[in-house]
Amino acid sequence: MRAAVIGSGSWGTAFAKVLGDAGSTVTMLARREAVAAEIRNKNGNEGSLPGVRLAPSVTATTDLAEALHGAELIAIAVPSQTLRGNLADWAALFPADATIVSLMKGIELGTLKRMSEVIVETARVAADRVVVVSGPNVAPEIAAEQPTTTVVACSDESRARQVQHALATPYFRPYTSDDVIGCELGGACKNVIALAYGMAVALGLGDNTRASLITRGLAETARLGVALGADPLTFAGLAGLGDLVASCSSPLARNRMFGEHLGRGESLEQAQIATRQTAEGVKSCLSIRDLARANGVEMPIVEQVERVCHEGVDPRVAVKLLMTREMKPE
C-alpha cells in the first residue's frame, strides 16, 4: 500500500514506522525541511523519536502534493484543535477513495465534534472512508517494537480490515471495531483523566487514589459514550480501559507528564515549556465538559481538571471537592 502520514511528531513518526515495517511505501509530511531531510537521508527523526530507525520505504517531504500523490491511505497526526483549519487546505489534494486514518484524540472546541466528524464535514468525504486508530499507543514504546495492540474502527468493516492488515507487524497487533464513537471518546477522555492522574502523582497520593481515578474516570467516559450512542463494551476494551491505563501509568505519556507539572503548582505555560509537547487533554477538558453538559452527563473529574487548567484552582482543592461530593451508589 502507498501511504501518507501528515505530521512528523512522535505518534506520526511511530505510525509511519509501523506502516513501513508492515510493507507499505510511506511518505511523511513534515513542517520543517530539516526534519524531512533527516527522515529521507538518515532514516530517523531524532527530535521526536531519538534512536529509532525507520524502514528504507519511509521518506518525507514538506510538499503536501508530493506526500499525497497516489496515496491509498492518509494518516493524520496533528493537534486536534488545528485539524479543521488545516483540512481546508489539504482536502482538495486527497486522492479519490483514499482511506483517511485519524490518529488524533480530542474533541473540537466550540463545535464539540469528534475528529472523524470534523474530517467528514471539512474534507467532504463519506463517513465510511474515515478510520479511527485508538488504544494503548505510547509512541516511544511502539517505536521500540515493544508488543502492543490497538483498535482500528470504521463503519465500513472491509475498510477497517484493510487498515488492520496494513498495520500488522510482529510487534503491533490491530483489532477491528465498528464503534467509531466509542473509540474516539475513549481516546479523547483518557487524556483528561491522565492529567488528573499526573496531578495525583505529583501530590504524592498513593495507589488507592490512582486506582480510583482510573476506575471512576472510565465510568465517566462510558456514561458519556452511552449517551452519544457508543457500545458500552468498547470502554472495557483496548480503546477504553487499555488506553486509559497506558496514559495514566506510563511516565512517557504526555498528558500524565503535563499533569505532574500542574500538580507541582506550575502554570499551564510553565508545564508547556517543561514538557515541550502538546497535551491534548488541556484543551479537550473544555470541550468534553461542554459535551457532557449538553447531554446531561455528570463528569466530575473532567470538571475539576478543567477548573485546575483554566480557572486556577489548586489541585489539592480539586481533590477535596471530588471527595466531598454527594454520596451515591456506584
Protein backbone atom coordinates (compact mmCIF):
# COMPACT_ATOMS: atom_id res chain seq x y z
CA MET A 1 0.00 0.00 0.00
CA ARG A 2 1.12 3.57 -0.69
CA ALA A 3 0.56 5.67 2.41
CA ALA A 4 0.96 9.28 3.52
CA VAL A 5 1.39 10.39 7.13
CA ILE A 6 0.61 14.04 7.81
CA GLY A 7 2.57 15.04 10.87
CA SER A 8 6.11 14.22 12.00
CA GLY A 9 5.70 14.26 15.78
CA SER A 10 6.31 11.18 17.90
CA TRP A 11 2.98 9.49 17.15
CA GLY A 12 3.04 10.28 13.43
CA THR A 13 6.62 9.00 13.19
CA ALA A 14 5.83 5.83 15.13
CA PHE A 15 2.79 5.19 12.93
CA ALA A 16 4.89 5.69 9.80
CA LYS A 17 7.38 3.18 11.17
CA VAL A 18 4.62 0.61 11.70
CA LEU A 19 3.30 1.12 8.16
CA GLY A 20 6.80 0.81 6.71
CA ASP A 21 7.62 -2.29 8.74
CA ALA A 22 4.33 -3.84 7.59
CA GLY A 23 5.34 -3.37 3.94
CA SER A 24 3.85 -0.05 2.83
CA THR A 25 5.64 2.72 0.97
CA VAL A 26 5.24 5.76 3.22
CA THR A 27 5.73 9.49 2.64
CA MET A 28 5.61 11.68 5.74
CA LEU A 29 4.69 15.35 5.59
CA ALA A 30 6.89 17.48 7.86
CA ARG A 31 6.59 21.21 8.50
CA ARG A 32 10.34 21.80 8.54
CA GLU A 33 12.73 20.82 5.77
CA ALA A 34 15.41 19.87 8.31
CA VAL A 35 13.11 17.17 9.73
CA ALA A 36 12.11 15.93 6.27
CA ALA A 37 15.76 15.76 5.19
CA GLU A 38 16.73 13.80 8.30
CA ILE A 39 14.00 11.25 7.63
CA ARG A 40 14.99 10.98 3.95
CA ASN A 41 18.73 10.83 4.43
CA LYS A 42 19.21 9.26 7.85
CA ASN A 43 16.05 7.15 8.25
CA GLY A 44 15.30 8.76 11.58
CA ASN A 45 13.62 11.65 13.38
CA GLU A 46 15.78 12.38 16.40
CA GLY A 47 13.70 15.33 17.54
CA SER A 48 10.61 13.17 18.00
CA LEU A 49 11.89 9.62 18.50
CA PRO A 50 15.59 9.56 19.35
CA GLY A 51 17.47 6.44 18.31
CA VAL A 52 14.63 4.99 16.24
CA ARG A 53 15.40 3.78 12.72
CA LEU A 54 12.74 3.90 10.00
CA ALA A 55 12.46 1.44 7.14
CA PRO A 56 14.02 2.50 3.81
CA SER A 57 10.46 2.59 2.41
CA VAL A 58 9.69 5.60 4.67
CA THR A 59 10.58 9.02 3.28
CA ALA A 60 9.49 12.59 3.94
CA THR A 61 8.76 15.91 2.28
CA THR A 62 7.44 19.37 3.11
CA ASP A 63 5.34 19.39 -0.07
CA LEU A 64 1.74 18.32 0.56
CA ALA A 65 1.01 17.36 -3.06
CA GLU A 66 4.11 15.18 -3.14
CA ALA A 67 3.18 13.47 0.11
CA LEU A 68 -0.38 12.73 -1.02
CA HIS A 69 0.38 11.70 -4.62
CA GLY A 70 -1.08 8.26 -5.22
CA ALA A 71 -1.79 7.66 -1.53
CA GLU A 72 -4.27 4.90 -0.79
CA LEU A 73 -4.10 5.61 2.95
CA ILE A 74 -3.74 9.07 4.52
CA ALA A 75 -2.99 9.12 8.25
CA ILE A 76 -3.38 12.44 10.04
CA ALA A 77 -1.42 13.06 13.25
CA VAL A 78 -1.70 16.77 14.11
CA PRO A 79 -3.02 18.54 17.23
CA SER A 80 -6.79 18.05 17.24
CA GLN A 81 -7.65 21.73 17.56
CA THR A 82 -5.70 22.54 14.38
CA LEU A 83 -7.38 19.90 12.23
CA ARG A 84 -10.26 21.92 10.78
CA GLY A 85 -8.12 24.82 9.63
CA ASN A 86 -5.55 22.52 8.04
CA LEU A 87 -8.10 20.31 6.30
CA ALA A 88 -9.50 23.28 4.44
CA ASP A 89 -6.15 23.44 2.62
CA TRP A 90 -5.46 19.72 2.38
CA ALA A 91 -8.75 18.14 1.29
CA ALA A 92 -8.63 19.18 -2.38
CA LEU A 93 -5.47 17.09 -2.81
CA PHE A 94 -6.82 13.90 -1.22
CA PRO A 95 -6.93 11.12 -3.85
CA ALA A 96 -10.42 9.81 -4.58
CA ASP A 97 -11.45 6.94 -2.29
CA ALA A 98 -8.26 7.11 -0.22
CA THR A 99 -8.80 5.84 3.31
CA ILE A 100 -8.34 8.63 5.84
CA VAL A 101 -6.98 7.48 9.19
CA SER A 102 -7.45 9.71 12.22
CA LEU A 103 -4.68 9.36 14.79
CA MET A 104 -5.98 12.31 16.84
CA LYS A 105 -7.59 12.04 20.25
CA GLY A 106 -9.64 15.11 21.04
CA ILE A 107 -12.99 16.89 20.84
CA GLU A 108 -13.12 20.13 18.86
CA LEU A 109 -13.66 23.28 20.87
CA GLY A 110 -16.86 25.14 20.01
CA THR A 111 -18.44 22.55 17.72
CA LEU A 112 -17.95 19.65 20.20
CA LYS A 113 -17.35 17.34 17.26
CA ARG A 114 -15.19 14.23 17.24
CA MET A 115 -12.21 14.22 14.90
CA SER A 116 -13.85 11.86 12.40
CA GLU A 117 -16.83 14.23 12.26
CA VAL A 118 -14.52 17.17 11.55
CA ILE A 119 -12.88 15.19 8.74
CA VAL A 120 -16.22 14.22 7.18
CA GLU A 121 -17.55 17.77 7.39
CA THR A 122 -14.45 19.68 6.31
CA ALA A 123 -12.95 17.30 3.75
CA ARG A 124 -16.43 16.44 2.44
CA VAL A 125 -15.83 12.71 2.43
CA ALA A 126 -18.17 9.85 3.29
CA ALA A 127 -18.03 8.65 6.89
CA ASP A 128 -17.19 5.12 5.75
CA ARG A 129 -13.87 6.39 4.35
CA VAL A 130 -12.67 7.51 7.78
CA VAL A 131 -10.88 5.07 10.09
CA VAL A 132 -10.02 5.79 13.71
CA VAL A 133 -6.99 4.23 15.41
CA SER A 134 -7.13 4.18 19.19
CA GLY A 135 -5.76 2.15 22.07
CA PRO A 136 -2.69 1.99 24.30
CA ASN A 137 -0.47 3.88 21.83
CA VAL A 138 2.52 5.23 23.75
CA ALA A 139 4.65 6.17 20.76
CA PRO A 140 8.19 5.56 22.11
CA GLU A 141 7.24 2.02 23.16
CA ILE A 142 5.74 1.26 19.75
CA ALA A 143 8.82 2.68 18.03
CA ALA A 144 10.98 0.45 20.26
CA GLU A 145 8.95 -2.50 18.91
CA GLN A 146 7.55 -3.47 22.28
CA PRO A 147 4.46 -5.67 21.75
CA THR A 148 1.25 -3.67 21.73
CA THR A 149 -2.31 -3.85 20.47
CA THR A 150 -4.68 -1.25 19.10
CA VAL A 151 -8.17 -0.81 17.68
CA VAL A 152 -8.99 0.13 14.08
CA ALA A 153 -12.57 1.43 13.97
CA CYS A 154 -14.66 2.20 10.89
CA SER A 155 -18.31 1.94 9.88
CA ASP A 156 -17.10 0.04 6.79
CA GLU A 157 -15.89 -3.34 8.02
CA SER A 158 -13.92 -4.14 4.85
CA ARG A 159 -12.04 -0.83 5.06
CA ALA A 160 -11.23 -1.48 8.71
CA ARG A 161 -9.81 -4.88 7.75
CA GLN A 162 -7.67 -3.30 5.00
CA VAL A 163 -6.12 -0.91 7.51
CA GLN A 164 -5.74 -3.74 10.01
CA HIS A 165 -3.64 -5.72 7.53
CA ALA A 166 -1.66 -2.62 6.56
CA LEU A 167 -0.59 -2.20 10.20
CA ALA A 168 0.02 -5.77 11.30
CA THR A 169 3.61 -6.44 12.38
CA PRO A 170 5.18 -8.87 14.88
CA TYR A 171 5.10 -6.06 17.48
CA PHE A 172 1.87 -4.22 16.55
CA ARG A 173 -1.40 -6.17 16.57
CA PRO A 174 -4.56 -4.31 15.43
CA TYR A 175 -8.15 -5.37 16.17
CA THR A 176 -11.15 -4.08 14.21
CA SER A 177 -14.32 -2.43 15.54
CA ASP A 178 -17.36 -0.68 14.12
CA ASP A 179 -17.79 1.55 17.19
CA VAL A 180 -16.20 4.77 15.94
CA ILE A 181 -17.97 6.88 18.58
CA GLY A 182 -16.77 4.75 21.48
CA CYS A 183 -13.19 4.54 20.25
CA GLU A 184 -12.93 8.29 19.73
CA LEU A 185 -14.47 9.19 23.07
CA GLY A 186 -12.24 6.72 24.88
CA GLY A 187 -9.18 8.30 23.29
CA ALA A 188 -10.27 11.86 23.99
CA CYS A 189 -11.44 11.41 27.56
CA LYS A 190 -8.44 9.39 28.71
CA ASN A 191 -6.24 12.43 28.08
CA VAL A 192 -8.19 14.41 30.66
CA ILE A 193 -8.17 11.60 33.23
CA ALA A 194 -4.42 11.19 32.68
CA LEU A 195 -3.96 14.88 33.58
CA ALA A 196 -5.74 14.19 36.87
CA TYR A 197 -3.62 11.09 37.41
CA GLY A 198 -0.44 13.07 36.88
CA MET A 199 -1.58 15.65 39.41
CA ALA A 200 -2.22 12.88 41.93
CA VAL A 201 1.28 11.50 41.39
CA ALA A 202 2.81 14.93 41.95
CA LEU A 203 0.78 15.40 45.12
CA GLY A 204 2.21 12.15 46.48
CA LEU A 205 -1.13 10.35 46.53
CA GLY A 206 -0.97 6.57 46.55
CA ASP A 207 -2.29 3.57 44.69
CA ASN A 208 -5.79 3.78 46.13
CA THR A 209 -6.20 7.28 44.74
CA ARG A 210 -4.70 6.34 41.40
CA ALA A 211 -6.89 3.26 41.03
CA SER A 212 -9.92 5.32 41.94
CA LEU A 213 -9.12 7.90 39.27
CA ILE A 214 -8.78 5.24 36.58
CA THR A 215 -11.96 3.45 37.61
CA ARG A 216 -14.17 6.48 38.11
CA GLY A 217 -12.65 8.18 35.08
CA LEU A 218 -13.60 5.18 32.99
CA ALA A 219 -17.12 5.33 34.42
CA GLU A 220 -17.43 8.99 33.38
CA THR A 221 -16.21 8.19 29.88
CA ALA A 222 -18.62 5.28 29.50
CA ARG A 223 -21.58 7.40 30.66
CA LEU A 224 -20.84 9.99 28.02
CA GLY A 225 -20.25 7.35 25.38
CA VAL A 226 -23.54 5.58 26.02
CA ALA A 227 -25.39 8.91 25.90
CA LEU A 228 -23.90 9.52 22.44
CA GLY A 229 -24.67 6.03 21.10
CA ALA A 230 -21.45 4.12 21.77
CA ASP A 231 -21.30 0.45 22.71
CA PRO A 232 -20.61 0.31 26.48
CA LEU A 233 -18.39 -2.75 25.96
CA THR A 234 -15.94 -0.63 23.98
CA PHE A 235 -14.89 1.09 27.19
CA ALA A 236 -13.87 -2.22 28.75
CA GLY A 237 -11.53 -2.88 25.82
CA LEU A 238 -8.33 -1.53 24.29
CA ALA A 239 -9.75 1.84 23.22
CA GLY A 240 -11.25 2.38 26.67
CA LEU A 241 -9.57 0.79 29.66
CA GLY A 242 -6.44 -0.14 27.72
CA ASP A 243 -5.72 3.37 26.51
CA LEU A 244 -6.63 4.87 29.88
CA VAL A 245 -4.28 2.60 31.85
CA ALA A 246 -1.39 3.25 29.45
CA SER A 247 -1.86 7.02 29.51
CA CYS A 248 -2.15 7.15 33.29
CA SER A 249 0.54 4.67 34.28
CA SER A 250 3.26 5.45 31.74
CA PRO A 251 5.74 8.20 32.67
CA LEU A 252 6.23 8.56 28.89
CA ALA A 253 2.60 9.63 28.35
CA ARG A 254 2.46 13.36 27.67
CA ASN A 255 -0.84 14.12 29.46
CA ARG A 256 0.29 12.37 32.63
CA MET A 257 3.62 14.24 32.44
CA PHE A 258 1.80 17.54 31.95
CA GLY A 259 -0.47 16.76 34.91
CA GLU A 260 2.53 16.15 37.13
CA HIS A 261 3.81 19.64 36.38
CA LEU A 262 0.41 21.13 37.21
CA GLY A 263 0.31 19.10 40.41
CA ARG A 264 3.59 20.72 41.45
CA GLY A 265 1.92 24.09 41.21
CA GLU A 266 3.25 25.12 37.80
CA SER A 267 1.16 27.19 35.40
CA LEU A 268 -0.03 25.96 32.01
CA GLU A 269 2.74 27.97 30.37
CA GLN A 270 5.42 26.53 32.66
CA ALA A 271 4.15 22.98 32.10
CA GLN A 272 4.13 23.52 28.33
CA ILE A 273 7.74 24.72 28.37
CA ALA A 274 8.82 21.81 30.55
CA THR A 275 7.15 19.07 28.51
CA ARG A 276 7.69 20.60 25.04
CA GLN A 277 4.72 18.59 23.79
CA THR A 278 1.03 19.11 23.11
CA ALA A 279 -1.12 17.70 25.92
CA GLU A 280 -4.46 17.28 24.17
CA GLY A 281 -6.35 16.99 27.45
CA VAL A 282 -5.63 20.61 28.37
CA LYS A 283 -7.95 21.90 25.65
CA SER A 284 -10.18 18.85 25.38
CA CYS A 285 -11.23 19.13 29.03
CA LEU A 286 -13.19 22.24 27.99
CA SER A 287 -14.94 20.62 25.03
CA ILE A 288 -15.59 17.33 26.85
CA ARG A 289 -17.06 19.21 29.80
CA ASP A 290 -19.35 21.13 27.44
CA LEU A 291 -20.29 17.96 25.53
CA ALA A 292 -21.18 16.25 28.81
CA ARG A 293 -23.29 19.17 29.99
CA ALA A 294 -25.09 19.35 26.65
CA ASN A 295 -26.06 15.70 27.03
CA GLY A 296 -26.90 15.80 30.74
CA VAL A 297 -23.95 13.60 31.73
CA GLU A 298 -22.10 14.12 35.00
CA MET A 299 -18.29 14.06 34.69
CA PRO A 300 -16.87 15.38 37.99
CA ILE A 301 -13.23 14.50 37.32
CA VAL A 302 -13.32 16.28 33.96
CA GLU A 303 -14.97 19.27 35.64
CA GLN A 304 -12.21 19.54 38.24
CA VAL A 305 -9.42 19.11 35.68
CA GLU A 306 -10.93 21.97 33.70
CA ARG A 307 -11.02 24.13 36.83
CA VAL A 308 -7.35 23.43 37.58
CA CYS A 309 -6.25 24.05 33.98
CA HIS A 310 -8.35 27.07 33.15
CA GLU A 311 -9.65 28.62 36.38
CA GLY A 312 -6.55 28.46 38.53
CA VAL A 313 -7.95 26.08 41.15
CA ASP A 314 -5.30 24.41 43.31
CA PRO A 315 -5.16 20.63 42.61
CA ARG A 316 -5.46 19.96 46.35
CA VAL A 317 -8.74 21.88 46.40
CA ALA A 318 -9.95 19.90 43.38
CA VAL A 319 -9.26 16.62 45.22
CA LYS A 320 -11.21 17.84 48.25
CA LEU A 321 -14.17 18.86 46.09
CA LEU A 322 -14.23 15.41 44.44
CA MET A 323 -14.13 13.65 47.82
CA THR A 324 -16.91 15.74 49.41
CA ARG A 325 -19.47 15.33 46.64
CA GLU A 326 -22.90 13.95 47.43
CA MET A 327 -22.84 10.25 48.32
CA LYS A 328 -24.19 7.92 45.62
CA PRO A 329 -24.39 4.23 44.74
CA GLU A 330 -21.72 3.01 42.32
